[in-house]
Amino acid sequence: MTGGDQHNVAVERARKRVKELRDFYVHVAVYVVVSTGLVLLDLAQGDGLQWSYWVMIGWGIGLAAHAASVIIIESQPASRWEARKLAEFTEPEEHNLGET
């Protein structure tokens, strides 16, 4: 792999990472806005909080899983292994393309 190719791979990896983070931040923002609306709706019905927290708990579990996939799992050895394997399989393919 040439220096330019490595740079392109690094740029693509960075773009992917930025998109994943942006999508996560949008998910958090939507969660906060919708949860606030649900709590206000629940309170407006009288009798305090009756049901909105169940939605927030369920969605919060999904949000935590999203956070784990973006923040925690990305830094794990599996991601480094994946990057090494990608480079390992890409190099012979690029070499073969250069011979034709």
Protein backbone atom coordinates (compact mmCIF):
# COMPACT_ATOMS: atom_id res chain seq x y z
CA MET A 1 0.00 0.00 0.00
CA THR A 2 1.43 3.35 -0.97
CA GLY A 3 1.51 6.40 1.26
CA GLY A 4 -1.36 8.00 -0.67
CA ASP A 5 -3.47 4.86 -0.34
CA GLN A 6 -2.80 4.69 3.38
CA HIS A 7 -3.83 8.33 3.67
CA ASN A 8 -7.08 7.62 1.77
CA VAL A 9 -7.85 4.65 4.01
CA ALA A 10 -7.14 6.75 7.10
CA VAL A 11 -9.39 9.55 5.81
CA GLU A 12 -12.22 7.11 5.06
CA ARG A 13 -11.87 5.53 8.50
CA ALA A 14 -11.98 8.99 10.09
CA ARG A 15 -15.07 9.95 8.08
CA LYS A 16 -16.81 6.76 9.16
CA ARG A 17 -15.93 7.44 12.80
CA VAL A 18 -17.20 11.04 12.60
CA LYS A 19 -20.48 9.84 11.05
CA GLU A 20 -20.92 7.24 13.80
CA LEU A 21 -20.33 9.86 16.49
CA ARG A 22 -22.65 12.37 14.80
CA ASP A 23 -25.40 9.75 14.53
CA PHE A 24 -24.97 8.92 18.22
CA TYR A 25 -25.19 12.60 19.23
CA VAL A 26 -28.37 12.99 17.16
CA HIS A 27 -29.78 9.91 18.89
CA VAL A 28 -29.04 11.45 22.32
CA ALA A 29 -30.63 14.77 21.32
CA VAL A 30 -33.80 13.09 20.03
CA TYR A 31 -33.98 10.99 23.20
CA VAL A 32 -33.78 14.09 25.40
CA VAL A 33 -36.37 16.05 23.39
CA VAL A 34 -38.86 13.18 23.12
CA SER A 35 -38.40 12.14 26.75
CA THR A 36 -39.02 15.70 27.90
CA GLY A 37 -42.20 15.82 25.84
CA LEU A 38 -43.40 12.49 27.19
CA VAL A 39 -42.77 13.53 30.79
CA LEU A 40 -44.66 16.79 30.24
CA LEU A 41 -47.54 14.90 28.63
CA ASP A 42 -47.58 12.37 31.47
CA LEU A 43 -47.58 15.15 34.09
CA ALA A 44 -50.32 17.05 32.25
CA GLN A 45 -52.64 14.08 32.69
CA GLY A 46 -52.43 14.53 36.46
CA ASP A 47 -51.44 11.91 39.04
CA GLY A 48 -47.69 12.49 38.49
CA LEU A 49 -45.54 10.21 36.40
CA GLN A 50 -47.49 7.10 35.44
CA TRP A 51 -45.97 5.70 32.26
CA SER A 52 -43.37 7.94 30.62
CA TYR A 53 -40.49 6.51 32.60
CA TRP A 54 -41.12 3.07 31.06
CA VAL A 55 -40.56 4.49 27.59
CA MET A 56 -37.45 6.29 28.80
CA ILE A 57 -36.06 3.13 30.39
CA GLY A 58 -36.62 1.02 27.26
CA TRP A 59 -35.24 3.64 24.93
CA GLY A 60 -32.41 4.32 27.36
CA ILE A 61 -31.31 0.70 27.12
CA GLY A 62 -31.16 1.07 23.34
CA LEU A 63 -29.27 4.34 23.71
CA ALA A 64 -26.77 2.67 26.05
CA ALA A 65 -26.23 -0.08 23.48
CA HIS A 66 -25.66 2.56 20.81
CA ALA A 67 -23.15 4.30 23.09
CA ALA A 68 -21.35 1.02 23.68
CA SER A 69 -21.10 0.34 19.97
CA VAL A 70 -19.75 3.81 19.19
CA ILE A 71 -17.63 4.69 22.19
CA ILE A 72 -16.54 1.47 23.88
CA ILE A 73 -16.43 -1.19 21.18
CA GLU A 74 -14.59 1.05 18.68
CA SER A 75 -11.57 1.22 20.98
CA GLN A 76 -11.46 -2.52 21.62
CA PRO A 77 -8.93 -4.96 20.13
CA ALA A 78 -11.56 -6.26 17.67
CA SER A 79 -11.45 -2.93 15.83
CA ARG A 80 -7.68 -3.02 15.63
CA TRP A 81 -7.85 -6.61 14.41
CA GLU A 82 -10.39 -5.57 11.77
CA ALA A 83 -8.12 -2.75 10.57
CA ARG A 84 -5.14 -5.12 10.33
CA LYS A 85 -7.15 -7.69 8.39
CA LEU A 86 -8.49 -5.01 6.04
CA ALA A 87 -4.94 -3.89 5.28
CA GLU A 88 -3.80 -7.50 4.93
CA PHE A 89 -6.47 -8.32 2.35
CA THR A 90 -6.30 -5.00 0.52
CA GLU A 91 -2.56 -5.09 -0.12
CA PRO A 92 -2.52 -8.25 -2.31
CA GLU A 93 -5.54 -7.00 -4.25
CA GLU A 94 -3.82 -3.68 -4.98
CA HIS A 95 -0.68 -5.56 -5.99
CA ASN A 96 -2.68 -7.74 -8.40
CA LEU A 97 -4.36 -4.69 -9.93
CA GLY A 98 -0.96 -3.10 -10.50
CA GLU A 99 0.26 -6.12 -12.51
CA THR A 100 -2.52 -6.05 -15.09
